[in-house]
Amino acid sequence: MRTFTIPKNLLLLDCFGALATSLTTGLILTTVLPTGLPTWILCALSIAAAGFVTFDFVAYRYWPEKRWPLAVIGLLNLSYCTVSISLVVLFMHVMTTIGILYFVGECTIIIPLAVFELMVANTNRWQACSSGKMNKWMNRR
């Protein structure tokens, strides 16, 4: 588990996951598997995931030890899941079982990852608060 508490490794994991989401949503769901969602919505979700791939790669390359990119991508992942589930609910009357299972399954994977990313992004703050360093810092002012 220690391996994934390193921001660089977590960004790489998220990058590959976003790439899988982008390819699945943009290629497979729009052509092979009927989901019930309009194609333009699937393409928009695919483009958003491709944007996450780009952000993850840039952060991995240029800010590998920084924790703020994890906070950003964690919030973006939670936003993506919120939009996905909202679309499933909105289009429930035309969604196929495969489409519902795909998006629920995807969010079942993404949400814990996003929460973990946010936890790792805030690790230094939690350690500072629990060790008493924050109290010393606040008393100086």
N, C-alpha and C. Protein backbone atom coordinates (compact mmCIF):
# COMPACT_ATOMS: atom_id res chain seq x y z
N MET A 1 0.83 -1.20 0.00
CA MET A 1 0.00 0.00 0.00
C MET A 1 0.87 1.25 0.00
N ARG A 2 2.08 1.15 0.54
CA ARG A 2 2.99 2.28 0.60
C ARG A 2 3.28 2.83 -0.80
N THR A 3 3.33 1.96 -1.79
CA THR A 3 3.63 2.38 -3.16
C THR A 3 2.63 3.41 -3.65
N PHE A 4 1.36 3.25 -3.31
CA PHE A 4 0.34 4.15 -3.82
C PHE A 4 0.14 5.40 -2.97
N THR A 5 0.90 5.55 -1.89
CA THR A 5 0.84 6.80 -1.14
C THR A 5 1.85 7.79 -1.68
N ILE A 6 2.65 7.38 -2.64
CA ILE A 6 3.58 8.28 -3.32
C ILE A 6 2.79 8.97 -4.43
N PRO A 7 2.73 10.30 -4.43
CA PRO A 7 1.90 11.01 -5.41
C PRO A 7 2.18 10.61 -6.86
N LYS A 8 3.44 10.43 -7.20
CA LYS A 8 3.82 10.08 -8.57
C LYS A 8 3.15 8.78 -9.01
N ASN A 9 3.17 7.77 -8.16
CA ASN A 9 2.57 6.48 -8.52
C ASN A 9 1.05 6.56 -8.61
N LEU A 10 0.47 7.35 -7.74
CA LEU A 10 -0.98 7.50 -7.75
C LEU A 10 -1.44 8.25 -9.00
N LEU A 11 -0.65 9.25 -9.43
CA LEU A 11 -0.97 9.96 -10.67
C LEU A 11 -0.89 9.03 -11.87
N LEU A 12 0.11 8.14 -11.87
CA LEU A 12 0.26 7.20 -12.98
C LEU A 12 -0.90 6.21 -13.01
N LEU A 13 -1.31 5.72 -11.85
CA LEU A 13 -2.46 4.82 -11.76
C LEU A 13 -3.71 5.52 -12.29
N ASP A 14 -3.93 6.75 -11.87
CA ASP A 14 -5.09 7.51 -12.31
C ASP A 14 -5.03 7.77 -13.82
N CYS A 15 -3.83 8.01 -14.32
CA CYS A 15 -3.64 8.27 -15.76
C CYS A 15 -4.09 7.05 -16.58
N PHE A 16 -3.67 5.86 -16.18
CA PHE A 16 -4.05 4.65 -16.91
C PHE A 16 -5.55 4.37 -16.77
N GLY A 17 -6.10 4.64 -15.61
CA GLY A 17 -7.53 4.47 -15.42
C GLY A 17 -8.34 5.43 -16.28
N ALA A 18 -7.90 6.68 -16.34
CA ALA A 18 -8.59 7.67 -17.18
C ALA A 18 -8.46 7.32 -18.66
N LEU A 19 -7.31 6.77 -19.04
CA LEU A 19 -7.12 6.34 -20.43
C LEU A 19 -8.09 5.21 -20.77
N ALA A 20 -8.22 4.24 -19.86
CA ALA A 20 -9.16 3.14 -20.08
C ALA A 20 -10.59 3.66 -20.18
N THR A 21 -10.94 4.61 -19.31
CA THR A 21 -12.28 5.20 -19.36
C THR A 21 -12.52 5.94 -20.66
N SER A 22 -11.54 6.72 -21.08
CA SER A 22 -11.67 7.49 -22.32
C SER A 22 -11.85 6.58 -23.52
N LEU A 23 -11.04 5.55 -23.61
CA LEU A 23 -11.14 4.62 -24.75
C LEU A 23 -12.44 3.82 -24.71
N THR A 24 -12.81 3.36 -23.53
CA THR A 24 -14.04 2.58 -23.41
C THR A 24 -15.26 3.42 -23.74
N THR A 25 -15.32 4.61 -23.16
CA THR A 25 -16.48 5.46 -23.38
C THR A 25 -16.54 5.99 -24.81
N GLY A 26 -15.38 6.36 -25.36
CA GLY A 26 -15.36 6.96 -26.69
C GLY A 26 -15.43 5.97 -27.84
N LEU A 27 -14.87 4.79 -27.66
CA LEU A 27 -14.83 3.83 -28.77
C LEU A 27 -15.83 2.69 -28.61
N ILE A 28 -15.80 2.03 -27.47
CA ILE A 28 -16.62 0.83 -27.32
C ILE A 28 -18.09 1.16 -27.09
N LEU A 29 -18.36 2.08 -26.17
CA LEU A 29 -19.76 2.38 -25.85
C LEU A 29 -20.47 3.13 -26.98
N THR A 30 -19.73 3.87 -27.79
CA THR A 30 -20.39 4.60 -28.88
C THR A 30 -20.62 3.72 -30.11
N THR A 31 -19.88 2.61 -30.23
CA THR A 31 -20.01 1.81 -31.44
C THR A 31 -20.48 0.37 -31.20
N VAL A 32 -20.00 -0.28 -30.15
CA VAL A 32 -20.25 -1.71 -29.98
C VAL A 32 -21.38 -1.99 -29.00
N LEU A 33 -21.29 -1.41 -27.81
CA LEU A 33 -22.29 -1.70 -26.77
C LEU A 33 -23.32 -0.57 -26.68
N PRO A 34 -24.58 -0.89 -26.82
CA PRO A 34 -25.61 0.14 -26.67
C PRO A 34 -25.84 0.46 -25.20
N THR A 35 -25.77 1.75 -24.86
CA THR A 35 -25.98 2.16 -23.46
C THR A 35 -27.30 2.88 -23.25
N GLY A 36 -27.81 3.47 -24.31
CA GLY A 36 -29.01 4.27 -24.18
C GLY A 36 -28.72 5.75 -24.12
N LEU A 37 -27.48 6.11 -23.80
CA LEU A 37 -27.10 7.53 -23.79
C LEU A 37 -26.84 8.00 -25.21
N PRO A 38 -27.17 9.24 -25.51
CA PRO A 38 -26.84 9.78 -26.83
C PRO A 38 -25.32 9.76 -27.07
N THR A 39 -24.95 9.58 -28.31
CA THR A 39 -23.53 9.50 -28.68
C THR A 39 -22.77 10.75 -28.28
N TRP A 40 -23.39 11.91 -28.41
CA TRP A 40 -22.67 13.16 -28.10
C TRP A 40 -22.34 13.24 -26.61
N ILE A 41 -23.16 12.66 -25.76
CA ILE A 41 -22.87 12.65 -24.32
C ILE A 41 -21.71 11.70 -24.04
N LEU A 42 -21.72 10.54 -24.69
CA LEU A 42 -20.61 9.60 -24.51
C LEU A 42 -19.30 10.21 -24.99
N CYS A 43 -19.36 10.92 -26.11
CA CYS A 43 -18.15 11.60 -26.62
C CYS A 43 -17.67 12.68 -25.65
N ALA A 44 -18.60 13.42 -25.06
CA ALA A 44 -18.22 14.45 -24.08
C ALA A 44 -17.57 13.82 -22.86
N LEU A 45 -18.11 12.70 -22.38
CA LEU A 45 -17.50 12.01 -21.24
C LEU A 45 -16.11 11.47 -21.60
N SER A 46 -15.98 11.01 -22.83
CA SER A 46 -14.68 10.52 -23.30
C SER A 46 -13.65 11.64 -23.38
N ILE A 47 -14.06 12.79 -23.87
CA ILE A 47 -13.15 13.95 -23.96
C ILE A 47 -12.75 14.41 -22.56
N ALA A 48 -13.69 14.40 -21.63
CA ALA A 48 -13.36 14.78 -20.25
C ALA A 48 -12.32 13.82 -19.67
N ALA A 49 -12.51 12.53 -19.89
CA ALA A 49 -11.54 11.54 -19.41
C ALA A 49 -10.18 11.73 -20.09
N ALA A 50 -10.19 12.08 -21.36
CA ALA A 50 -8.92 12.35 -22.07
C ALA A 50 -8.23 13.58 -21.47
N GLY A 51 -9.02 14.55 -21.04
CA GLY A 51 -8.45 15.71 -20.35
C GLY A 51 -7.80 15.31 -19.04
N PHE A 52 -8.41 14.35 -18.35
CA PHE A 52 -7.82 13.85 -17.10
C PHE A 52 -6.50 13.13 -17.38
N VAL A 53 -6.45 12.39 -18.49
CA VAL A 53 -5.21 11.70 -18.88
C VAL A 53 -4.11 12.74 -19.08
N THR A 54 -4.44 13.81 -19.79
CA THR A 54 -3.46 14.87 -20.06
C THR A 54 -2.99 15.51 -18.76
N PHE A 55 -3.93 15.85 -17.89
CA PHE A 55 -3.55 16.47 -16.62
C PHE A 55 -2.68 15.54 -15.79
N ASP A 56 -3.09 14.26 -15.70
CA ASP A 56 -2.31 13.28 -14.93
C ASP A 56 -0.89 13.15 -15.47
N PHE A 57 -0.77 13.08 -16.80
CA PHE A 57 0.55 12.91 -17.39
C PHE A 57 1.43 14.14 -17.16
N VAL A 58 0.86 15.32 -17.34
CA VAL A 58 1.63 16.55 -17.10
C VAL A 58 2.05 16.64 -15.64
N ALA A 59 1.15 16.33 -14.73
CA ALA A 59 1.47 16.36 -13.31
C ALA A 59 2.53 15.31 -12.98
N TYR A 60 2.41 14.12 -13.57
CA TYR A 60 3.40 13.06 -13.34
C TYR A 60 4.78 13.48 -13.85
N ARG A 61 4.78 14.16 -14.96
CA ARG A 61 6.05 14.55 -15.59
C ARG A 61 6.70 15.75 -14.91
N TYR A 62 5.91 16.78 -14.59
CA TYR A 62 6.48 18.04 -14.12
C TYR A 62 6.36 18.28 -12.61
N TRP A 63 5.39 17.66 -11.95
CA TRP A 63 5.22 17.84 -10.51
C TRP A 63 5.07 16.49 -9.82
N PRO A 64 6.03 15.57 -9.99
CA PRO A 64 5.84 14.20 -9.49
C PRO A 64 5.73 14.08 -7.97
N GLU A 65 6.32 14.99 -7.23
CA GLU A 65 6.29 14.87 -5.77
C GLU A 65 5.31 15.84 -5.11
N LYS A 66 4.67 16.68 -5.90
CA LYS A 66 3.69 17.63 -5.34
C LYS A 66 2.39 16.90 -5.05
N ARG A 67 1.70 17.38 -4.04
CA ARG A 67 0.44 16.74 -3.64
C ARG A 67 -0.79 17.47 -4.18
N TRP A 68 -0.64 18.73 -4.58
CA TRP A 68 -1.82 19.47 -5.04
C TRP A 68 -2.45 18.88 -6.30
N PRO A 69 -1.67 18.30 -7.25
CA PRO A 69 -2.35 17.69 -8.41
C PRO A 69 -3.28 16.54 -8.00
N LEU A 70 -2.93 15.83 -6.93
CA LEU A 70 -3.82 14.76 -6.46
C LEU A 70 -5.15 15.32 -5.97
N ALA A 71 -5.09 16.45 -5.30
CA ALA A 71 -6.33 17.08 -4.83
C ALA A 71 -7.19 17.51 -6.02
N VAL A 72 -6.54 18.08 -7.03
CA VAL A 72 -7.27 18.54 -8.22
C VAL A 72 -7.92 17.36 -8.94
N ILE A 73 -7.13 16.31 -9.20
CA ILE A 73 -7.67 15.18 -9.96
C ILE A 73 -8.69 14.41 -9.12
N GLY A 74 -8.51 14.38 -7.80
CA GLY A 74 -9.50 13.74 -6.95
C GLY A 74 -10.85 14.44 -7.04
N LEU A 75 -10.84 15.76 -7.00
CA LEU A 75 -12.09 16.51 -7.13
C LEU A 75 -12.69 16.37 -8.52
N LEU A 76 -11.83 16.36 -9.55
CA LEU A 76 -12.33 16.16 -10.91
C LEU A 76 -12.95 14.78 -11.08
N ASN A 77 -12.34 13.77 -10.48
CA ASN A 77 -12.90 12.41 -10.56
C ASN A 77 -14.27 12.34 -9.87
N LEU A 78 -14.38 12.98 -8.72
CA LEU A 78 -15.68 13.00 -8.04
C LEU A 78 -16.72 13.75 -8.87
N SER A 79 -16.30 14.81 -9.52
CA SER A 79 -17.22 15.56 -10.40
C SER A 79 -17.65 14.70 -11.59
N TYR A 80 -16.71 13.97 -12.17
CA TYR A 80 -17.02 13.07 -13.30
C TYR A 80 -18.07 12.04 -12.88
N CYS A 81 -17.89 11.46 -11.70
CA CYS A 81 -18.85 10.47 -11.22
C CYS A 81 -20.21 11.08 -10.95
N THR A 82 -20.21 12.29 -10.42
CA THR A 82 -21.48 12.98 -10.17
C THR A 82 -22.23 13.20 -11.48
N VAL A 83 -21.51 13.64 -12.50
CA VAL A 83 -22.13 13.87 -13.81
C VAL A 83 -22.60 12.55 -14.41
N SER A 84 -21.77 11.52 -14.34
CA SER A 84 -22.13 10.21 -14.91
C SER A 84 -23.40 9.65 -14.27
N ILE A 85 -23.44 9.64 -12.96
CA ILE A 85 -24.61 9.09 -12.27
C ILE A 85 -25.84 9.96 -12.54
N SER A 86 -25.65 11.28 -12.59
CA SER A 86 -26.78 12.17 -12.91
C SER A 86 -27.33 11.88 -14.30
N LEU A 87 -26.44 11.62 -15.26
CA LEU A 87 -26.89 11.30 -16.61
C LEU A 87 -27.62 9.96 -16.65
N VAL A 88 -27.14 8.99 -15.89
CA VAL A 88 -27.82 7.70 -15.83
C VAL A 88 -29.22 7.87 -15.27
N VAL A 89 -29.35 8.66 -14.22
CA VAL A 89 -30.67 8.90 -13.63
C VAL A 89 -31.55 9.68 -14.60
N LEU A 90 -30.98 10.68 -15.26
CA LEU A 90 -31.75 11.50 -16.20
C LEU A 90 -32.25 10.69 -17.40
N PHE A 91 -31.43 9.77 -17.87
CA PHE A 91 -31.79 8.98 -19.05
C PHE A 91 -32.21 7.55 -18.68
N MET A 92 -32.61 7.34 -17.44
CA MET A 92 -32.95 6.00 -16.96
C MET A 92 -33.99 5.32 -17.84
N HIS A 93 -34.92 6.08 -18.37
CA HIS A 93 -36.00 5.49 -19.17
C HIS A 93 -35.50 4.91 -20.50
N VAL A 94 -34.31 5.30 -20.96
CA VAL A 94 -33.78 4.75 -22.21
C VAL A 94 -32.48 3.98 -22.01
N MET A 95 -31.98 3.95 -20.79
CA MET A 95 -30.71 3.26 -20.53
C MET A 95 -30.88 1.75 -20.63
N THR A 96 -29.85 1.10 -21.16
CA THR A 96 -29.84 -0.36 -21.19
C THR A 96 -29.21 -0.88 -19.90
N THR A 97 -29.41 -2.14 -19.63
CA THR A 97 -28.81 -2.74 -18.43
C THR A 97 -27.29 -2.67 -18.50
N ILE A 98 -26.73 -2.90 -19.67
CA ILE A 98 -25.28 -2.82 -19.84
C ILE A 98 -24.78 -1.41 -19.54
N GLY A 99 -25.49 -0.41 -20.01
CA GLY A 99 -25.11 0.98 -19.76
C GLY A 99 -25.14 1.33 -18.29
N ILE A 100 -26.20 0.92 -17.61
CA ILE A 100 -26.31 1.19 -16.17
C ILE A 100 -25.20 0.48 -15.42
N LEU A 101 -24.97 -0.79 -15.72
CA LEU A 101 -23.91 -1.55 -15.05
C LEU A 101 -22.54 -0.95 -15.29
N TYR A 102 -22.30 -0.48 -16.52
CA TYR A 102 -20.99 0.11 -16.83
C TYR A 102 -20.75 1.35 -15.98
N PHE A 103 -21.69 2.27 -15.97
CA PHE A 103 -21.46 3.54 -15.26
C PHE A 103 -21.46 3.36 -13.74
N VAL A 104 -22.30 2.48 -13.23
CA VAL A 104 -22.27 2.22 -11.78
C VAL A 104 -20.96 1.54 -11.42
N GLY A 105 -20.53 0.58 -12.23
CA GLY A 105 -19.26 -0.09 -11.97
C GLY A 105 -18.07 0.85 -12.05
N GLU A 106 -18.10 1.72 -13.04
CA GLU A 106 -17.02 2.71 -13.18
C GLU A 106 -16.94 3.62 -11.96
N CYS A 107 -18.06 4.10 -11.52
CA CYS A 107 -18.08 4.99 -10.35
C CYS A 107 -17.72 4.23 -9.07
N THR A 108 -18.02 2.94 -9.03
CA THR A 108 -17.64 2.13 -7.87
C THR A 108 -16.12 2.03 -7.75
N ILE A 109 -15.43 2.10 -8.87
CA ILE A 109 -13.96 2.09 -8.87
C ILE A 109 -13.40 3.49 -8.64
N ILE A 110 -13.97 4.48 -9.31
CA ILE A 110 -13.41 5.84 -9.29
C ILE A 110 -13.60 6.52 -7.94
N ILE A 111 -14.74 6.38 -7.31
CA ILE A 111 -15.00 7.12 -6.07
C ILE A 111 -14.01 6.76 -4.96
N PRO A 112 -13.77 5.48 -4.67
CA PRO A 112 -12.75 5.19 -3.64
C PRO A 112 -11.36 5.69 -4.02
N LEU A 113 -11.02 5.61 -5.31
CA LEU A 113 -9.73 6.13 -5.76
C LEU A 113 -9.64 7.63 -5.53
N ALA A 114 -10.69 8.35 -5.85
CA ALA A 114 -10.70 9.81 -5.67
C ALA A 114 -10.60 10.18 -4.19
N VAL A 115 -11.29 9.45 -3.34
CA VAL A 115 -11.22 9.71 -1.90
C VAL A 115 -9.80 9.44 -1.41
N PHE A 116 -9.20 8.36 -1.88
CA PHE A 116 -7.82 8.04 -1.49
C PHE A 116 -6.85 9.11 -1.98
N GLU A 117 -7.06 9.61 -3.20
CA GLU A 117 -6.22 10.69 -3.72
C GLU A 117 -6.32 11.93 -2.84
N LEU A 118 -7.51 12.26 -2.42
CA LEU A 118 -7.69 13.41 -1.54
C LEU A 118 -7.04 13.18 -0.18
N MET A 119 -7.10 11.96 0.32
CA MET A 119 -6.46 11.65 1.59
C MET A 119 -4.93 11.78 1.48
N VAL A 120 -4.37 11.26 0.40
CA VAL A 120 -2.92 11.36 0.21
C VAL A 120 -2.51 12.82 -0.01
N ALA A 121 -3.34 13.57 -0.73
CA ALA A 121 -3.03 14.99 -0.97
C ALA A 121 -3.00 15.78 0.33
N ASN A 122 -3.79 15.36 1.31
CA ASN A 122 -3.85 16.08 2.58
C ASN A 122 -3.05 15.43 3.69
N THR A 123 -2.24 14.45 3.38
CA THR A 123 -1.48 13.71 4.39
C THR A 123 -0.60 14.63 5.23
N ASN A 124 0.13 15.53 4.61
CA ASN A 124 1.03 16.41 5.36
C ASN A 124 0.26 17.29 6.33
N ARG A 125 -0.90 17.75 5.94
CA ARG A 125 -1.71 18.59 6.83
C ARG A 125 -2.17 17.80 8.04
N TRP A 126 -2.61 16.55 7.81
CA TRP A 126 -3.06 15.71 8.92
C TRP A 126 -1.92 15.41 9.86
N GLN A 127 -0.74 15.12 9.32
CA GLN A 127 0.41 14.81 10.16
C GLN A 127 0.81 16.03 10.98
N ALA A 128 0.76 17.21 10.36
CA ALA A 128 1.13 18.43 11.07
C ALA A 128 0.15 18.70 12.21
N CYS A 129 -1.14 18.48 11.96
CA CYS A 129 -2.14 18.72 13.00
C CYS A 129 -2.01 17.72 14.14
N SER A 130 -1.79 16.46 13.81
CA SER A 130 -1.75 15.45 14.86
C SER A 130 -0.45 15.48 15.65
N SER A 131 0.61 16.01 15.07
CA SER A 131 1.89 16.01 15.78
C SER A 131 2.08 17.25 16.66
N GLY A 132 1.17 18.17 16.61
CA GLY A 132 1.29 19.37 17.42
C GLY A 132 2.03 20.50 16.73
N LYS A 133 2.56 20.26 15.54
CA LYS A 133 3.29 21.32 14.83
C LYS A 133 2.36 22.48 14.48
N MET A 134 1.11 22.15 14.16
CA MET A 134 0.16 23.20 13.80
C MET A 134 -0.11 24.10 14.99
N ASN A 135 -0.23 23.52 16.17
CA ASN A 135 -0.47 24.33 17.37
C ASN A 135 0.71 25.26 17.64
N LYS A 136 1.92 24.76 17.48
CA LYS A 136 3.10 25.61 17.68
C LYS A 136 3.12 26.75 16.67
N TRP A 137 2.77 26.43 15.43
CA TRP A 137 2.78 27.44 14.38
C TRP A 137 1.72 28.50 14.66
N MET A 138 0.53 28.08 15.10
CA MET A 138 -0.55 29.03 15.34
C MET A 138 -0.25 29.90 16.57
N ASN A 139 0.43 29.37 17.56
CA ASN A 139 0.74 30.14 18.77
C ASN A 139 1.81 31.18 18.52
N ARG A 140 2.60 31.05 17.48
CA ARG A 140 3.63 32.02 17.16
C ARG A 140 3.03 33.32 16.64
N ARG A 141 1.89 33.27 16.07
CA ARG A 141 1.31 34.47 15.44
C ARG A 141 0.53 35.27 16.39
